[in-house]
Amino acid sequence: MKFLILFELGKKRFVQAFLTHNAAVDAINSYTQLADDVILSIAEIEPEKYEVMFEDGSRACFKIVKSKNDSILGYYPADLSRIFAKLRSILLSKREQADKNTDRIIKTRLEAFAMILCGIGIILGGFAVAAVAFAPNGESWQFAAMGSLIALGLATTFRGSYVLVHPIPKPVKLVKQTA
């Protein structure tokens, strides 16, 4: 009699056969150790059934069953160590992608803060120039110049404020890595 590890990840179902129960348990332990850096938790749901939670929120189930033949209908025979290695590399690339996006968001927010400061500086500069140079003369083109400086400062400040609140990083294209 053989022992089978039934592995379900989403809609994908795989099976791997072992001669003893201890060999099946050791295999599950080695698979989870292989992907330990991307696994959040492992919990025993029922006797001989374990649920694995990955860092991206996906769940997988291991189940150990006794069987007289090597396969069960609906499960594909596979080497689970290769599946876990691929799963680990996918999750690590997603983590790297998330780190890059976080760095971009921080950089975008710093640039937005700089835009806000520049806008405020332009507004204050417009008022200062108007108070010193334009106010005594009272000509209309001078007031128009002051108004355009203030409008430029306000536009820069509002744009910087919007980008600060809603940073939209440019998408990073994933590059396929070869081993």
N, C-alpha and C. Protein backbone atom coordinates (compact mmCIF):
# COMPACT_ATOMS: atom_id res chain seq x y z
N MET A 1 0.84 -1.16 0.00
CA MET A 1 0.00 0.00 0.00
C MET A 1 0.90 1.23 0.00
N LYS A 2 0.51 2.21 -0.81
CA LYS A 2 1.29 3.44 -0.92
C LYS A 2 0.56 4.59 -0.24
N PHE A 3 1.33 5.59 0.08
CA PHE A 3 0.78 6.82 0.64
C PHE A 3 0.95 7.92 -0.38
N LEU A 4 -0.11 8.68 -0.57
CA LEU A 4 -0.11 9.75 -1.56
C LEU A 4 -0.20 11.10 -0.86
N ILE A 5 0.55 12.05 -1.39
CA ILE A 5 0.38 13.45 -0.98
C ILE A 5 -0.48 14.10 -2.05
N LEU A 6 -1.66 14.54 -1.65
CA LEU A 6 -2.52 15.29 -2.55
C LEU A 6 -2.28 16.77 -2.27
N PHE A 7 -1.90 17.49 -3.30
CA PHE A 7 -1.57 18.91 -3.15
C PHE A 7 -2.52 19.73 -4.01
N GLU A 8 -3.20 20.69 -3.40
CA GLU A 8 -4.13 21.56 -4.11
C GLU A 8 -3.70 23.01 -3.93
N LEU A 9 -3.56 23.69 -5.05
CA LEU A 9 -3.22 25.11 -5.05
C LEU A 9 -4.18 25.79 -6.01
N GLY A 10 -5.19 26.43 -5.46
CA GLY A 10 -6.23 27.01 -6.31
C GLY A 10 -6.99 25.90 -7.00
N LYS A 11 -7.03 25.94 -8.33
CA LYS A 11 -7.72 24.90 -9.10
C LYS A 11 -6.77 23.81 -9.57
N LYS A 12 -5.50 23.95 -9.25
CA LYS A 12 -4.51 22.96 -9.68
C LYS A 12 -4.35 21.90 -8.60
N ARG A 13 -4.35 20.64 -9.04
CA ARG A 13 -4.26 19.52 -8.10
C ARG A 13 -3.19 18.56 -8.58
N PHE A 14 -2.26 18.23 -7.67
CA PHE A 14 -1.15 17.35 -7.99
C PHE A 14 -1.08 16.23 -6.96
N VAL A 15 -0.43 15.15 -7.36
CA VAL A 15 -0.25 14.01 -6.46
C VAL A 15 1.17 13.49 -6.60
N GLN A 16 1.71 12.98 -5.49
CA GLN A 16 3.01 12.33 -5.49
C GLN A 16 2.93 11.14 -4.54
N ALA A 17 3.46 9.99 -4.97
CA ALA A 17 3.35 8.75 -4.21
C ALA A 17 4.62 8.48 -3.41
N PHE A 18 4.43 7.85 -2.23
CA PHE A 18 5.54 7.46 -1.36
C PHE A 18 5.24 6.08 -0.80
N LEU A 19 6.30 5.37 -0.43
CA LEU A 19 6.13 4.01 0.07
C LEU A 19 5.67 3.97 1.52
N THR A 20 6.09 4.92 2.33
CA THR A 20 5.72 4.92 3.74
C THR A 20 5.10 6.27 4.13
N HIS A 21 4.39 6.24 5.23
CA HIS A 21 3.79 7.46 5.76
C HIS A 21 4.88 8.44 6.20
N ASN A 22 5.93 7.93 6.82
CA ASN A 22 7.02 8.79 7.28
C ASN A 22 7.71 9.49 6.10
N ALA A 23 7.85 8.79 4.98
CA ALA A 23 8.45 9.41 3.80
C ALA A 23 7.57 10.54 3.27
N ALA A 24 6.26 10.37 3.33
CA ALA A 24 5.35 11.42 2.89
C ALA A 24 5.44 12.64 3.81
N VAL A 25 5.48 12.41 5.12
CA VAL A 25 5.60 13.52 6.07
C VAL A 25 6.94 14.24 5.89
N ASP A 26 8.01 13.46 5.71
CA ASP A 26 9.33 14.08 5.47
C ASP A 26 9.32 14.91 4.19
N ALA A 27 8.62 14.44 3.18
CA ALA A 27 8.54 15.19 1.91
C ALA A 27 7.80 16.51 2.13
N ILE A 28 6.70 16.48 2.86
CA ILE A 28 5.97 17.72 3.13
C ILE A 28 6.86 18.68 3.91
N ASN A 29 7.58 18.17 4.89
CA ASN A 29 8.49 19.03 5.66
C ASN A 29 9.57 19.64 4.77
N SER A 30 10.13 18.86 3.86
CA SER A 30 11.17 19.40 2.98
C SER A 30 10.61 20.42 2.00
N TYR A 31 9.38 20.19 1.49
CA TYR A 31 8.77 21.16 0.57
C TYR A 31 8.52 22.49 1.27
N THR A 32 8.00 22.41 2.49
CA THR A 32 7.71 23.65 3.21
C THR A 32 8.99 24.36 3.65
N GLN A 33 10.05 23.61 3.93
CA GLN A 33 11.33 24.24 4.25
C GLN A 33 11.94 24.89 3.01
N LEU A 34 11.69 24.31 1.85
CA LEU A 34 12.20 24.87 0.59
C LEU A 34 11.62 26.26 0.36
N ALA A 35 10.36 26.46 0.70
CA ALA A 35 9.69 27.74 0.47
C ALA A 35 9.40 28.46 1.78
N ASP A 36 10.22 28.24 2.80
CA ASP A 36 9.97 28.79 4.12
C ASP A 36 9.93 30.31 4.13
N ASP A 37 10.70 30.97 3.26
CA ASP A 37 10.75 32.43 3.28
C ASP A 37 9.53 33.08 2.63
N VAL A 38 8.66 32.31 1.97
CA VAL A 38 7.45 32.86 1.36
C VAL A 38 6.18 32.29 2.00
N ILE A 39 6.33 31.43 3.00
CA ILE A 39 5.18 30.84 3.69
C ILE A 39 4.91 31.62 4.97
N LEU A 40 3.67 32.03 5.14
CA LEU A 40 3.29 32.74 6.37
C LEU A 40 2.93 31.78 7.48
N SER A 41 2.14 30.73 7.16
CA SER A 41 1.72 29.81 8.21
C SER A 41 1.40 28.45 7.62
N ILE A 42 1.50 27.45 8.49
CA ILE A 42 1.10 26.08 8.17
C ILE A 42 0.22 25.62 9.33
N ALA A 43 -0.98 25.16 9.00
CA ALA A 43 -1.92 24.74 10.04
C ALA A 43 -2.51 23.38 9.69
N GLU A 44 -2.70 22.55 10.72
CA GLU A 44 -3.34 21.26 10.51
C GLU A 44 -4.84 21.46 10.63
N ILE A 45 -5.55 21.25 9.53
CA ILE A 45 -7.00 21.45 9.49
C ILE A 45 -7.71 20.23 10.06
N GLU A 46 -7.34 19.09 9.57
CA GLU A 46 -7.87 17.80 10.00
C GLU A 46 -6.68 16.87 10.18
N PRO A 47 -6.91 15.69 10.73
CA PRO A 47 -5.80 14.74 10.77
C PRO A 47 -5.35 14.41 9.34
N GLU A 48 -4.07 14.52 9.11
CA GLU A 48 -3.44 14.24 7.82
C GLU A 48 -3.78 15.26 6.74
N LYS A 49 -4.29 16.43 7.11
CA LYS A 49 -4.57 17.49 6.14
C LYS A 49 -4.01 18.80 6.68
N TYR A 50 -3.20 19.48 5.86
CA TYR A 50 -2.51 20.70 6.28
C TYR A 50 -2.80 21.82 5.30
N GLU A 51 -2.97 23.02 5.84
CA GLU A 51 -3.19 24.19 4.99
C GLU A 51 -1.97 25.10 5.11
N VAL A 52 -1.49 25.54 3.96
CA VAL A 52 -0.33 26.43 3.89
C VAL A 52 -0.81 27.78 3.37
N MET A 53 -0.44 28.85 4.09
CA MET A 53 -0.77 30.22 3.67
C MET A 53 0.51 30.89 3.21
N PHE A 54 0.49 31.39 1.95
CA PHE A 54 1.66 32.06 1.38
C PHE A 54 1.55 33.56 1.60
N GLU A 55 2.65 34.27 1.42
CA GLU A 55 2.68 35.70 1.72
C GLU A 55 1.83 36.55 0.78
N ASP A 56 1.47 36.01 -0.39
CA ASP A 56 0.60 36.78 -1.30
C ASP A 56 -0.88 36.53 -1.01
N GLY A 57 -1.18 35.74 0.03
CA GLY A 57 -2.56 35.48 0.42
C GLY A 57 -3.13 34.19 -0.15
N SER A 58 -2.40 33.53 -1.03
CA SER A 58 -2.91 32.28 -1.60
C SER A 58 -2.76 31.15 -0.59
N ARG A 59 -3.62 30.16 -0.75
CA ARG A 59 -3.63 29.01 0.17
C ARG A 59 -3.43 27.74 -0.63
N ALA A 60 -2.79 26.78 0.03
CA ALA A 60 -2.60 25.47 -0.56
C ALA A 60 -2.89 24.43 0.51
N CYS A 61 -3.25 23.23 0.06
CA CYS A 61 -3.55 22.15 1.00
C CYS A 61 -2.74 20.91 0.67
N PHE A 62 -2.20 20.30 1.70
CA PHE A 62 -1.57 18.98 1.60
C PHE A 62 -2.50 18.00 2.30
N LYS A 63 -2.66 16.82 1.71
CA LYS A 63 -3.42 15.78 2.36
C LYS A 63 -2.70 14.47 2.11
N ILE A 64 -2.53 13.67 3.15
CA ILE A 64 -1.89 12.36 3.03
C ILE A 64 -2.98 11.31 3.08
N VAL A 65 -3.03 10.46 2.03
CA VAL A 65 -4.04 9.41 1.96
C VAL A 65 -3.36 8.08 1.62
N LYS A 66 -4.03 6.98 2.00
CA LYS A 66 -3.56 5.64 1.63
C LYS A 66 -4.17 5.28 0.28
N SER A 67 -3.39 4.58 -0.54
CA SER A 67 -3.89 4.21 -1.86
C SER A 67 -3.25 2.91 -2.30
N LYS A 68 -3.99 2.14 -3.11
CA LYS A 68 -3.44 0.91 -3.66
C LYS A 68 -2.74 1.18 -4.98
N ASN A 69 -3.20 2.19 -5.72
CA ASN A 69 -2.52 2.54 -6.98
C ASN A 69 -1.86 3.91 -6.80
N ASP A 70 -1.14 4.37 -7.83
CA ASP A 70 -0.32 5.57 -7.69
C ASP A 70 -1.06 6.89 -7.92
N SER A 71 -2.22 6.87 -8.51
CA SER A 71 -2.83 8.15 -8.83
C SER A 71 -4.31 8.16 -8.46
N ILE A 72 -4.83 9.34 -8.35
CA ILE A 72 -6.25 9.56 -8.07
C ILE A 72 -6.79 10.40 -9.21
N LEU A 73 -8.01 10.10 -9.61
CA LEU A 73 -8.64 10.82 -10.71
C LEU A 73 -8.73 12.32 -10.38
N GLY A 74 -8.32 13.16 -11.31
CA GLY A 74 -8.38 14.60 -11.13
C GLY A 74 -7.09 15.21 -10.59
N TYR A 75 -6.15 14.40 -10.20
CA TYR A 75 -4.85 14.88 -9.72
C TYR A 75 -3.79 14.48 -10.72
N TYR A 76 -2.87 15.40 -10.99
CA TYR A 76 -1.80 15.12 -11.94
C TYR A 76 -0.56 14.68 -11.19
N PRO A 77 0.04 13.56 -11.61
CA PRO A 77 1.29 13.15 -10.96
C PRO A 77 2.38 14.18 -11.25
N ALA A 78 3.08 14.59 -10.21
CA ALA A 78 4.10 15.62 -10.39
C ALA A 78 5.12 15.53 -9.27
N ASP A 79 6.27 16.13 -9.53
CA ASP A 79 7.30 16.26 -8.51
C ASP A 79 7.02 17.56 -7.76
N LEU A 80 6.55 17.44 -6.54
CA LEU A 80 6.14 18.62 -5.79
C LEU A 80 7.30 19.54 -5.42
N SER A 81 8.52 19.00 -5.38
CA SER A 81 9.66 19.87 -5.07
C SER A 81 9.87 20.89 -6.19
N ARG A 82 9.66 20.48 -7.44
CA ARG A 82 9.79 21.43 -8.57
C ARG A 82 8.67 22.47 -8.51
N ILE A 83 7.48 22.03 -8.16
CA ILE A 83 6.35 22.95 -8.07
C ILE A 83 6.60 23.98 -6.97
N PHE A 84 7.11 23.54 -5.82
CA PHE A 84 7.39 24.48 -4.74
C PHE A 84 8.54 25.41 -5.10
N ALA A 85 9.52 24.94 -5.83
CA ALA A 85 10.62 25.81 -6.25
C ALA A 85 10.11 26.90 -7.20
N LYS A 86 9.24 26.52 -8.14
CA LYS A 86 8.66 27.51 -9.05
C LYS A 86 7.76 28.49 -8.29
N LEU A 87 6.96 27.97 -7.39
CA LEU A 87 6.08 28.81 -6.60
C LEU A 87 6.88 29.81 -5.78
N ARG A 88 7.97 29.35 -5.18
CA ARG A 88 8.83 30.23 -4.40
C ARG A 88 9.42 31.33 -5.27
N SER A 89 9.91 30.98 -6.46
CA SER A 89 10.50 32.00 -7.33
C SER A 89 9.46 33.01 -7.79
N ILE A 90 8.24 32.57 -8.04
CA ILE A 90 7.17 33.50 -8.44
C ILE A 90 6.85 34.46 -7.29
N LEU A 91 6.73 33.93 -6.08
CA LEU A 91 6.41 34.78 -4.94
C LEU A 91 7.55 35.75 -4.61
N LEU A 92 8.79 35.30 -4.78
CA LEU A 92 9.92 36.20 -4.54
C LEU A 92 9.97 37.31 -5.58
N SER A 93 9.63 37.00 -6.84
CA SER A 93 9.61 38.05 -7.85
C SER A 93 8.48 39.03 -7.58
N LYS A 94 7.34 38.54 -7.07
CA LYS A 94 6.25 39.45 -6.70
C LYS A 94 6.68 40.36 -5.55
N ARG A 95 7.42 39.80 -4.58
CA ARG A 95 7.90 40.60 -3.45
C ARG A 95 8.87 41.67 -3.95
N GLU A 96 9.76 41.29 -4.85
CA GLU A 96 10.71 42.25 -5.42
C GLU A 96 9.97 43.34 -6.18
N GLN A 97 8.94 42.96 -6.92
CA GLN A 97 8.13 43.93 -7.65
C GLN A 97 7.44 44.89 -6.69
N ALA A 98 6.90 44.38 -5.60
CA ALA A 98 6.23 45.23 -4.61
C ALA A 98 7.23 46.18 -3.97
N ASP A 99 8.45 45.71 -3.70
CA ASP A 99 9.48 46.58 -3.12
C ASP A 99 9.84 47.70 -4.09
N LYS A 100 9.94 47.38 -5.38
CA LYS A 100 10.25 48.42 -6.37
C LYS A 100 9.13 49.44 -6.44
N ASN A 101 7.88 48.98 -6.41
CA ASN A 101 6.75 49.91 -6.45
C ASN A 101 6.71 50.79 -5.21
N THR A 102 7.05 50.24 -4.05
CA THR A 102 7.09 51.02 -2.82
C THR A 102 8.16 52.10 -2.92
N ASP A 103 9.33 51.73 -3.44
CA ASP A 103 10.39 52.72 -3.62
C ASP A 103 9.96 53.82 -4.58
N ARG A 104 9.26 53.46 -5.64
CA ARG A 104 8.79 54.46 -6.60
C ARG A 104 7.76 55.39 -5.97
N ILE A 105 6.88 54.84 -5.15
CA ILE A 105 5.87 55.66 -4.50
C ILE A 105 6.54 56.66 -3.55
N ILE A 106 7.53 56.21 -2.81
CA ILE A 106 8.24 57.11 -1.90
C ILE A 106 8.93 58.22 -2.70
N LYS A 107 9.59 57.85 -3.80
CA LYS A 107 10.27 58.85 -4.62
C LYS A 107 9.26 59.83 -5.22
N THR A 108 8.11 59.33 -5.67
CA THR A 108 7.08 60.19 -6.24
C THR A 108 6.54 61.16 -5.19
N ARG A 109 6.35 60.68 -3.98
CA ARG A 109 5.85 61.56 -2.92
C ARG A 109 6.87 62.62 -2.54
N LEU A 110 8.15 62.27 -2.55
CA LEU A 110 9.18 63.28 -2.27
C LEU A 110 9.20 64.35 -3.35
N GLU A 111 9.07 63.93 -4.61
CA GLU A 111 9.01 64.90 -5.70
C GLU A 111 7.78 65.78 -5.58
N ALA A 112 6.65 65.21 -5.17
CA ALA A 112 5.43 66.00 -4.99
C ALA A 112 5.60 67.01 -3.86
N PHE A 113 6.26 66.62 -2.79
CA PHE A 113 6.51 67.54 -1.69
C PHE A 113 7.39 68.70 -2.16
N ALA A 114 8.38 68.40 -3.00
CA ALA A 114 9.23 69.44 -3.56
C ALA A 114 8.41 70.39 -4.45
N MET A 115 7.45 69.83 -5.22
CA MET A 115 6.58 70.68 -6.04
C MET A 115 5.74 71.61 -5.18
N ILE A 116 5.25 71.11 -4.07
CA ILE A 116 4.44 71.95 -3.17
C ILE A 116 5.29 73.09 -2.62
N LEU A 117 6.51 72.79 -2.19
CA LEU A 117 7.38 73.83 -1.66
C LEU A 117 7.73 74.86 -2.73
N CYS A 118 7.99 74.41 -3.96
CA CYS A 118 8.27 75.34 -5.06
C CYS A 118 7.06 76.23 -5.34
N GLY A 119 5.88 75.64 -5.34
CA GLY A 119 4.67 76.42 -5.59
C GLY A 119 4.46 77.48 -4.53
N ILE A 120 4.66 77.11 -3.27
CA ILE A 120 4.51 78.09 -2.19
C ILE A 120 5.56 79.19 -2.32
N GLY A 121 6.77 78.80 -2.71
CA GLY A 121 7.83 79.79 -2.92
C GLY A 121 7.50 80.74 -4.05
N ILE A 122 6.93 80.22 -5.13
CA ILE A 122 6.54 81.09 -6.25
C ILE A 122 5.44 82.05 -5.83
N ILE A 123 4.46 81.57 -5.08
CA ILE A 123 3.37 82.44 -4.59
C ILE A 123 3.93 83.56 -3.72
N LEU A 124 4.77 83.18 -2.74
CA LEU A 124 5.34 84.19 -1.85
C LEU A 124 6.24 85.16 -2.61
N GLY A 125 6.97 84.63 -3.59
CA GLY A 125 7.81 85.50 -4.43
C GLY A 125 6.96 86.47 -5.23
N GLY A 126 5.85 86.02 -5.75
CA GLY A 126 4.95 86.89 -6.49
C GLY A 126 4.41 88.01 -5.62
N PHE A 127 4.01 87.67 -4.41
CA PHE A 127 3.52 88.71 -3.50
C PHE A 127 4.63 89.69 -3.12
N ALA A 128 5.84 89.16 -2.88
CA ALA A 128 6.95 90.04 -2.49
C ALA A 128 7.31 91.00 -3.62
N VAL A 129 7.40 90.47 -4.85
CA VAL A 129 7.72 91.33 -5.99
C VAL A 129 6.62 92.35 -6.20
N ALA A 130 5.37 91.95 -6.04
CA ALA A 130 4.25 92.88 -6.21
C ALA A 130 4.28 93.97 -5.16
N ALA A 131 4.60 93.61 -3.94
CA ALA A 131 4.60 94.61 -2.86
C ALA A 131 5.74 95.60 -3.03
N VAL A 132 6.88 95.14 -3.49
CA VAL A 132 8.05 96.01 -3.59
C VAL A 132 8.05 96.81 -4.89
N ALA A 133 7.84 96.14 -6.01
CA ALA A 133 8.06 96.80 -7.30
C ALA A 133 6.78 97.30 -7.95
N PHE A 134 5.72 96.51 -7.90
CA PHE A 134 4.55 96.84 -8.73
C PHE A 134 3.53 97.73 -8.03
N ALA A 135 3.38 97.62 -6.74
CA ALA A 135 2.31 98.34 -6.06
C ALA A 135 2.45 99.86 -6.15
N PRO A 136 3.66 100.43 -6.02
CA PRO A 136 3.72 101.90 -6.08
C PRO A 136 3.32 102.48 -7.44
N ASN A 137 3.62 101.78 -8.52
CA ASN A 137 3.32 102.31 -9.84
C ASN A 137 1.85 102.14 -10.21
N GLY A 138 1.28 100.98 -9.92
CA GLY A 138 -0.13 100.75 -10.14
C GLY A 138 -0.53 100.56 -11.59
N GLU A 139 0.37 100.09 -12.43
CA GLU A 139 0.01 99.84 -13.82
C GLU A 139 -0.62 98.45 -13.95
N SER A 140 -1.52 98.29 -14.91
CA SER A 140 -2.29 97.05 -15.03
C SER A 140 -1.42 95.86 -15.46
N TRP A 141 -0.43 96.06 -16.31
CA TRP A 141 0.40 94.92 -16.75
C TRP A 141 1.21 94.36 -15.59
N GLN A 142 1.55 95.23 -14.63
CA GLN A 142 2.30 94.77 -13.47
C GLN A 142 1.41 93.89 -12.57
N PHE A 143 0.16 94.28 -12.45
CA PHE A 143 -0.76 93.43 -11.68
C PHE A 143 -1.04 92.12 -12.40
N ALA A 144 -1.05 92.14 -13.71
CA ALA A 144 -1.23 90.91 -14.48
C ALA A 144 -0.03 89.98 -14.29
N ALA A 145 1.17 90.55 -14.27
CA ALA A 145 2.38 89.74 -14.03
C ALA A 145 2.34 89.13 -12.64
N MET A 146 1.92 89.92 -11.66
CA MET A 146 1.82 89.40 -10.30
C MET A 146 0.78 88.28 -10.22
N GLY A 147 -0.35 88.48 -10.88
CA GLY A 147 -1.40 87.46 -10.89
C GLY A 147 -0.97 86.19 -11.57
N SER A 148 -0.19 86.31 -12.65
CA SER A 148 0.27 85.09 -13.33
C SER A 148 1.28 84.34 -12.47
N LEU A 149 2.14 85.04 -11.73
CA LEU A 149 3.06 84.36 -10.81
C LEU A 149 2.28 83.62 -9.72
N ILE A 150 1.28 84.27 -9.18
CA ILE A 150 0.48 83.64 -8.13
C ILE A 150 -0.28 82.43 -8.70
N ALA A 151 -0.81 82.57 -9.91
CA ALA A 151 -1.52 81.44 -10.54
C ALA A 151 -0.57 80.28 -10.80
N LEU A 152 0.65 80.56 -11.25
CA LEU A 152 1.64 79.50 -11.47
C LEU A 152 1.98 78.81 -10.15
N GLY A 153 2.14 79.60 -9.10
CA GLY A 153 2.43 79.01 -7.79
C GLY A 153 1.29 78.15 -7.29
N LEU A 154 0.06 78.63 -7.47
CA LEU A 154 -1.09 77.84 -7.04
C LEU A 154 -1.21 76.54 -7.84
N ALA A 155 -1.01 76.62 -9.15
CA ALA A 155 -1.09 75.42 -9.98
C ALA A 155 -0.04 74.39 -9.57
N THR A 156 1.18 74.86 -9.33
CA THR A 156 2.25 73.95 -8.91
C THR A 156 1.93 73.34 -7.55
N THR A 157 1.42 74.14 -6.64
CA THR A 157 1.07 73.64 -5.31
C THR A 157 -0.06 72.62 -5.38
N PHE A 158 -1.10 72.92 -6.16
CA PHE A 158 -2.22 71.97 -6.27
C PHE A 158 -1.79 70.68 -6.94
N ARG A 159 -0.97 70.77 -7.99
CA ARG A 159 -0.50 69.55 -8.66
C ARG A 159 0.36 68.72 -7.72
N GLY A 160 1.25 69.37 -6.99
CA GLY A 160 2.07 68.65 -6.02
C GLY A 160 1.23 68.00 -4.93
N SER A 161 0.19 68.70 -4.48
CA SER A 161 -0.69 68.13 -3.46
C SER A 161 -1.42 66.90 -3.99
N TYR A 162 -1.88 66.96 -5.23
CA TYR A 162 -2.59 65.83 -5.81
C TYR A 162 -1.66 64.62 -5.95
N VAL A 163 -0.44 64.86 -6.43
CA VAL A 163 0.51 63.75 -6.60
C VAL A 163 0.92 63.19 -5.25
N LEU A 164 1.00 64.04 -4.23
CA LEU A 164 1.36 63.57 -2.90
C LEU A 164 0.29 62.62 -2.36
N VAL A 165 -0.97 62.93 -2.61
CA VAL A 165 -2.06 62.10 -2.12
C VAL A 165 -2.28 60.87 -2.99
N HIS A 166 -2.13 61.02 -4.30
CA HIS A 166 -2.38 59.92 -5.24
C HIS A 166 -1.13 59.61 -6.06
N PRO A 167 -0.10 59.01 -5.47
CA PRO A 167 1.08 58.70 -6.27
C PRO A 167 0.79 57.51 -7.19
N ILE A 168 1.04 57.66 -8.44
CA ILE A 168 0.81 56.58 -9.40
C ILE A 168 2.16 56.19 -9.98
N PRO A 169 2.73 55.08 -9.48
CA PRO A 169 4.02 54.68 -10.02
C PRO A 169 3.86 54.09 -11.42
N LYS A 170 4.86 54.27 -12.22
CA LYS A 170 4.85 53.65 -13.53
C LYS A 170 5.01 52.15 -13.35
N PRO A 171 4.27 51.35 -14.11
CA PRO A 171 4.39 49.90 -13.92
C PRO A 171 5.78 49.40 -14.35
N VAL A 172 6.28 48.46 -13.56
CA VAL A 172 7.56 47.85 -13.86
C VAL A 172 7.32 46.57 -14.61
N LYS A 173 7.99 46.39 -15.68
CA LYS A 173 7.83 45.18 -16.48
C LYS A 173 8.65 44.05 -15.85
N LEU A 174 8.02 42.92 -15.64
CA LEU A 174 8.72 41.78 -15.09
C LEU A 174 9.63 41.17 -16.15
N VAL A 175 10.83 40.85 -15.75
CA VAL A 175 11.79 40.24 -16.65
C VAL A 175 11.93 38.79 -16.26
N LYS A 176 11.79 37.92 -17.24
CA LYS A 176 11.88 36.48 -16.98
C LYS A 176 13.32 36.14 -16.67
N GLN A 177 13.51 35.48 -15.54
CA GLN A 177 14.86 35.11 -15.12
C GLN A 177 15.10 33.66 -15.47
N THR A 178 16.28 33.38 -15.97
CA THR A 178 16.65 32.00 -16.29
C THR A 178 17.59 31.49 -15.23
N ALA A 179 17.40 30.26 -14.86
CA ALA A 179 18.23 29.68 -13.79
C ALA A 179 19.45 29.02 -14.35
